[in-house]
């Protein structure tokens, strides 16, 4: 093999890829909702019924994150439910199931 041979296929592919990237407009990366939220280290709530302030603080911290990220209400509910643990998660599962059954046609 001599040095004057044409570049191999990998080199050609790299060159084409580079040219394509240069001709395409830059796209801003859009993180998925969960990814963006986790950068803020969202709290978890275990359902400590003895400490009402824990629930208030939990919701306040999450709402600060959601306001910053401009989350719609549906996403706020979904992600908040995802951050529930223990007794709080059990309550949510029962409450959402009851609501679903009540609101079915």
N, C-alpha and C. Protein backbone atom coordinates (compact mmCIF):
# COMPACT_ATOMS: atom_id res chain seq x y z
N UNK A 1 0.84 -1.18 0.00
CA UNK A 1 0.00 0.00 0.00
C UNK A 1 0.88 1.24 0.00
N UNK A 2 0.56 2.14 -0.81
CA UNK A 2 1.37 3.35 -0.87
C UNK A 2 0.61 4.50 -0.24
N UNK A 3 1.33 5.55 0.13
CA UNK A 3 0.73 6.72 0.76
C UNK A 3 -0.11 7.52 -0.21
N UNK A 4 -0.01 7.24 -1.53
CA UNK A 4 -0.76 8.01 -2.51
C UNK A 4 -2.15 7.43 -2.76
N UNK A 5 -2.48 6.33 -2.10
CA UNK A 5 -3.80 5.73 -2.28
C UNK A 5 -4.87 6.64 -1.69
N UNK A 6 -6.11 6.48 -2.20
CA UNK A 6 -7.21 7.28 -1.67
C UNK A 6 -7.47 6.91 -0.22
N UNK A 7 -8.07 7.83 0.55
CA UNK A 7 -8.33 7.55 1.96
C UNK A 7 -9.29 6.37 2.11
N UNK A 8 -9.20 5.70 3.24
CA UNK A 8 -10.08 4.55 3.44
C UNK A 8 -11.51 5.02 3.70
N UNK A 9 -12.44 4.05 3.75
CA UNK A 9 -13.87 4.38 3.87
C UNK A 9 -14.18 5.11 5.18
N UNK A 10 -13.50 4.78 6.25
CA UNK A 10 -13.75 5.46 7.52
C UNK A 10 -13.40 6.93 7.43
N UNK A 11 -12.27 7.24 6.78
CA UNK A 11 -11.88 8.63 6.59
C UNK A 11 -12.90 9.38 5.75
N UNK A 12 -13.40 8.72 4.70
CA UNK A 12 -14.41 9.34 3.84
C UNK A 12 -15.69 9.64 4.62
N UNK A 13 -16.11 8.68 5.42
CA UNK A 13 -17.33 8.87 6.21
C UNK A 13 -17.16 10.01 7.21
N UNK A 14 -16.00 10.09 7.85
CA UNK A 14 -15.74 11.17 8.80
C UNK A 14 -15.78 12.52 8.08
N UNK A 15 -15.21 12.58 6.90
CA UNK A 15 -15.19 13.82 6.14
C UNK A 15 -16.60 14.24 5.75
N UNK A 16 -17.40 13.28 5.27
CA UNK A 16 -18.79 13.58 4.88
C UNK A 16 -19.59 14.03 6.08
N UNK A 17 -19.42 13.38 7.20
CA UNK A 17 -20.15 13.73 8.42
C UNK A 17 -19.81 15.16 8.84
N UNK A 18 -18.54 15.50 8.77
CA UNK A 18 -18.09 16.83 9.14
C UNK A 18 -18.69 17.88 8.21
N UNK A 19 -18.71 17.59 6.92
CA UNK A 19 -19.28 18.53 5.96
C UNK A 19 -20.77 18.71 6.18
N UNK A 20 -21.49 17.61 6.48
CA UNK A 20 -22.92 17.69 6.74
C UNK A 20 -23.22 18.52 7.98
N UNK A 21 -22.42 18.36 9.03
CA UNK A 21 -22.63 19.13 10.26
C UNK A 21 -22.42 20.61 10.00
N UNK A 22 -21.47 20.94 9.15
CA UNK A 22 -21.19 22.34 8.88
C UNK A 22 -22.31 22.99 8.08
N UNK A 23 -22.99 22.22 7.22
CA UNK A 23 -24.03 22.79 6.39
C UNK A 23 -25.39 22.84 7.09
N UNK A 24 -25.58 22.06 8.15
CA UNK A 24 -26.84 22.04 8.88
C UNK A 24 -26.85 23.16 9.92
N UNK A 25 -28.01 23.78 10.14
CA UNK A 25 -28.08 24.79 11.19
C UNK A 25 -27.93 24.14 12.56
N UNK A 26 -27.37 24.87 13.50
CA UNK A 26 -27.19 24.35 14.85
C UNK A 26 -28.56 24.22 15.51
N UNK A 27 -28.78 23.10 16.16
CA UNK A 27 -30.01 22.89 16.91
C UNK A 27 -29.70 22.94 18.38
N UNK A 28 -30.56 23.61 19.11
CA UNK A 28 -30.37 23.67 20.55
C UNK A 28 -30.85 22.35 21.15
N UNK A 29 -30.05 21.77 21.99
CA UNK A 29 -30.43 20.52 22.64
C UNK A 29 -31.59 20.78 23.57
N UNK A 30 -32.61 19.98 23.45
CA UNK A 30 -33.78 20.11 24.32
C UNK A 30 -33.79 18.95 25.30
N UNK A 31 -33.47 19.21 26.55
CA UNK A 31 -33.45 18.11 27.51
C UNK A 31 -34.86 17.62 27.78
N UNK A 32 -34.97 16.33 28.07
CA UNK A 32 -36.26 15.79 28.48
C UNK A 32 -36.59 16.38 29.83
N UNK A 33 -37.89 16.48 30.14
CA UNK A 33 -38.28 17.13 31.40
C UNK A 33 -37.56 16.59 32.63
N UNK A 34 -37.47 15.29 32.77
CA UNK A 34 -36.82 14.71 33.93
C UNK A 34 -35.36 15.11 34.04
N UNK A 35 -34.68 15.15 32.90
CA UNK A 35 -33.25 15.51 32.91
C UNK A 35 -33.06 16.92 33.45
N UNK A 36 -33.85 17.84 32.96
CA UNK A 36 -33.71 19.22 33.40
C UNK A 36 -34.04 19.36 34.88
N UNK A 37 -35.07 18.66 35.31
CA UNK A 37 -35.50 18.75 36.69
C UNK A 37 -34.44 18.23 37.65
N UNK A 38 -33.79 17.12 37.30
CA UNK A 38 -32.81 16.52 38.20
C UNK A 38 -31.59 17.38 38.42
N UNK A 39 -31.32 18.31 37.54
CA UNK A 39 -30.19 19.21 37.75
C UNK A 39 -30.41 20.07 39.00
N UNK A 40 -31.68 20.24 39.38
CA UNK A 40 -32.01 21.03 40.56
C UNK A 40 -32.08 20.20 41.84
N UNK A 41 -31.83 18.90 41.74
CA UNK A 41 -31.90 17.98 42.88
C UNK A 41 -33.25 18.06 43.59
N UNK A 42 -34.30 17.63 42.92
CA UNK A 42 -35.64 17.74 43.53
C UNK A 42 -35.78 16.86 44.76
N UNK A 43 -36.55 17.34 45.72
CA UNK A 43 -36.73 16.57 46.96
C UNK A 43 -37.66 15.38 46.75
N UNK A 44 -37.65 14.49 47.72
CA UNK A 44 -38.60 13.38 47.77
C UNK A 44 -39.48 13.60 48.99
N UNK A 45 -40.68 13.03 48.95
CA UNK A 45 -41.59 13.16 50.09
C UNK A 45 -42.09 11.78 50.46
N UNK A 46 -41.95 11.44 51.74
CA UNK A 46 -42.29 10.11 52.24
C UNK A 46 -43.63 10.06 52.96
N UNK A 47 -44.31 11.19 53.09
CA UNK A 47 -45.64 11.18 53.70
C UNK A 47 -45.62 11.30 55.20
N UNK A 48 -44.68 12.02 55.75
CA UNK A 48 -44.60 12.22 57.19
C UNK A 48 -45.78 13.08 57.63
N UNK A 49 -46.83 12.42 58.12
CA UNK A 49 -48.05 13.15 58.49
C UNK A 49 -47.88 13.94 59.79
N UNK A 50 -46.86 13.65 60.55
CA UNK A 50 -46.62 14.38 61.80
C UNK A 50 -46.08 15.79 61.52
N UNK A 51 -45.46 15.97 60.40
CA UNK A 51 -44.82 17.25 60.07
C UNK A 51 -45.46 17.85 58.82
N UNK A 52 -46.51 18.62 59.02
CA UNK A 52 -47.20 19.25 57.89
C UNK A 52 -46.25 20.15 57.10
N UNK A 53 -45.30 20.77 57.79
CA UNK A 53 -44.37 21.67 57.10
C UNK A 53 -43.50 20.92 56.10
N UNK A 54 -43.26 19.61 56.33
CA UNK A 54 -42.48 18.83 55.36
C UNK A 54 -43.19 18.80 54.01
N UNK A 55 -44.50 18.59 54.01
CA UNK A 55 -45.27 18.56 52.77
C UNK A 55 -45.26 19.93 52.10
N UNK A 56 -45.43 20.98 52.89
CA UNK A 56 -45.42 22.33 52.34
C UNK A 56 -44.07 22.67 51.74
N UNK A 57 -43.00 22.31 52.44
CA UNK A 57 -41.65 22.58 51.94
C UNK A 57 -41.38 21.79 50.67
N UNK A 58 -41.79 20.53 50.64
CA UNK A 58 -41.65 19.67 49.46
C UNK A 58 -42.30 20.33 48.24
N UNK A 59 -43.56 20.75 48.40
CA UNK A 59 -44.28 21.37 47.28
C UNK A 59 -43.68 22.71 46.89
N UNK A 60 -43.25 23.47 47.87
CA UNK A 60 -42.63 24.78 47.58
C UNK A 60 -41.34 24.61 46.77
N UNK A 61 -40.52 23.65 47.18
CA UNK A 61 -39.26 23.42 46.45
C UNK A 61 -39.53 22.94 45.03
N UNK A 62 -40.48 22.02 44.87
CA UNK A 62 -40.81 21.54 43.52
C UNK A 62 -41.40 22.66 42.67
N UNK A 63 -42.28 23.46 43.24
CA UNK A 63 -42.88 24.56 42.47
C UNK A 63 -41.83 25.57 42.02
N UNK A 64 -40.83 25.82 42.85
CA UNK A 64 -39.73 26.71 42.43
C UNK A 64 -39.03 26.15 41.19
N UNK A 65 -38.79 24.85 41.19
CA UNK A 65 -38.15 24.20 40.04
C UNK A 65 -39.06 24.30 38.82
N UNK A 66 -40.33 23.95 39.00
CA UNK A 66 -41.28 23.96 37.89
C UNK A 66 -41.46 25.36 37.31
N UNK A 67 -41.49 26.37 38.17
CA UNK A 67 -41.62 27.74 37.68
C UNK A 67 -40.40 28.14 36.86
N UNK A 68 -39.23 27.76 37.34
CA UNK A 68 -38.00 28.07 36.62
C UNK A 68 -37.97 27.42 35.24
N UNK A 69 -38.43 26.16 35.18
CA UNK A 69 -38.42 25.41 33.92
C UNK A 69 -39.69 25.62 33.09
N UNK A 70 -40.63 26.41 33.62
CA UNK A 70 -41.89 26.72 32.93
C UNK A 70 -42.68 25.46 32.56
N UNK A 71 -42.81 24.55 33.53
CA UNK A 71 -43.55 23.31 33.32
C UNK A 71 -45.06 23.57 33.31
N UNK A 72 -45.76 22.88 32.43
CA UNK A 72 -47.21 22.92 32.39
C UNK A 72 -47.75 22.12 33.58
N UNK A 73 -49.02 22.35 33.93
CA UNK A 73 -49.62 21.69 35.10
C UNK A 73 -49.56 20.17 35.02
N UNK A 74 -49.86 19.59 33.87
CA UNK A 74 -49.88 18.12 33.75
C UNK A 74 -48.50 17.53 34.06
N UNK A 75 -47.46 18.19 33.59
CA UNK A 75 -46.11 17.70 33.86
C UNK A 75 -45.75 17.87 35.33
N UNK A 76 -46.22 18.95 35.94
CA UNK A 76 -45.99 19.17 37.37
C UNK A 76 -46.59 18.04 38.19
N UNK A 77 -47.82 17.65 37.87
CA UNK A 77 -48.49 16.58 38.62
C UNK A 77 -47.75 15.27 38.43
N UNK A 78 -47.40 14.96 37.19
CA UNK A 78 -46.72 13.70 36.89
C UNK A 78 -45.39 13.61 37.62
N UNK A 79 -44.60 14.66 37.54
CA UNK A 79 -43.28 14.60 38.17
C UNK A 79 -43.37 14.64 39.68
N UNK A 80 -44.34 15.39 40.22
CA UNK A 80 -44.50 15.41 41.67
C UNK A 80 -44.86 14.02 42.18
N UNK A 81 -45.77 13.34 41.49
CA UNK A 81 -46.14 11.98 41.87
C UNK A 81 -44.93 11.06 41.82
N UNK A 82 -44.06 11.28 40.87
CA UNK A 82 -42.85 10.46 40.74
C UNK A 82 -41.89 10.66 41.91
N UNK A 83 -41.95 11.81 42.57
CA UNK A 83 -41.04 12.10 43.69
C UNK A 83 -41.61 11.63 45.03
N UNK A 84 -42.82 11.06 45.03
CA UNK A 84 -43.42 10.54 46.26
C UNK A 84 -42.84 9.18 46.59
N UNK A 85 -42.68 8.91 47.89
CA UNK A 85 -42.14 7.65 48.36
C UNK A 85 -42.98 7.14 49.53
N UNK A 86 -42.85 5.86 49.83
CA UNK A 86 -43.46 5.28 51.02
C UNK A 86 -44.96 5.52 51.12
N UNK A 87 -45.39 6.02 52.30
CA UNK A 87 -46.82 6.26 52.55
C UNK A 87 -47.40 7.27 51.57
N UNK A 88 -46.61 8.26 51.19
CA UNK A 88 -47.10 9.27 50.25
C UNK A 88 -47.39 8.64 48.89
N UNK A 89 -46.54 7.75 48.44
CA UNK A 89 -46.74 7.06 47.16
C UNK A 89 -47.99 6.17 47.23
N UNK A 90 -48.14 5.44 48.35
CA UNK A 90 -49.32 4.60 48.54
C UNK A 90 -50.60 5.44 48.47
N UNK A 91 -50.61 6.58 49.15
CA UNK A 91 -51.77 7.46 49.13
C UNK A 91 -52.06 7.92 47.71
N UNK A 92 -51.02 8.33 46.99
CA UNK A 92 -51.21 8.83 45.63
C UNK A 92 -51.81 7.75 44.72
N UNK A 93 -51.31 6.55 44.82
CA UNK A 93 -51.83 5.46 43.98
C UNK A 93 -53.31 5.21 44.26
N UNK A 94 -53.68 5.19 45.54
CA UNK A 94 -55.10 4.98 45.89
C UNK A 94 -55.96 6.16 45.44
N UNK A 95 -55.50 7.37 45.68
CA UNK A 95 -56.28 8.56 45.31
C UNK A 95 -56.44 8.69 43.80
N UNK A 96 -55.39 8.44 43.05
CA UNK A 96 -55.49 8.58 41.59
C UNK A 96 -56.35 7.47 40.99
N UNK A 97 -56.29 6.28 41.57
CA UNK A 97 -57.14 5.19 41.09
C UNK A 97 -58.61 5.51 41.38
N UNK A 98 -58.91 6.01 42.57
CA UNK A 98 -60.28 6.38 42.91
C UNK A 98 -60.79 7.49 42.00
N UNK A 99 -59.96 8.47 41.73
CA UNK A 99 -60.36 9.57 40.85
C UNK A 99 -60.64 9.05 39.44
N UNK A 100 -59.79 8.16 38.95
CA UNK A 100 -59.96 7.60 37.61
C UNK A 100 -61.28 6.84 37.53
N UNK A 101 -61.55 6.00 38.53
CA UNK A 101 -62.80 5.23 38.54
C UNK A 101 -64.02 6.13 38.60
N UNK A 102 -63.94 7.16 39.41
CA UNK A 102 -65.06 8.10 39.56
C UNK A 102 -65.33 8.88 38.28
N UNK A 103 -64.29 9.16 37.50
CA UNK A 103 -64.43 10.01 36.32
C UNK A 103 -64.49 9.26 35.00
N UNK A 104 -64.65 7.94 35.07
CA UNK A 104 -64.80 7.17 33.83
C UNK A 104 -66.23 7.30 33.33
N UNK A 105 -66.41 7.34 32.00
CA UNK A 105 -67.77 7.45 31.46
C UNK A 105 -68.57 6.19 31.66
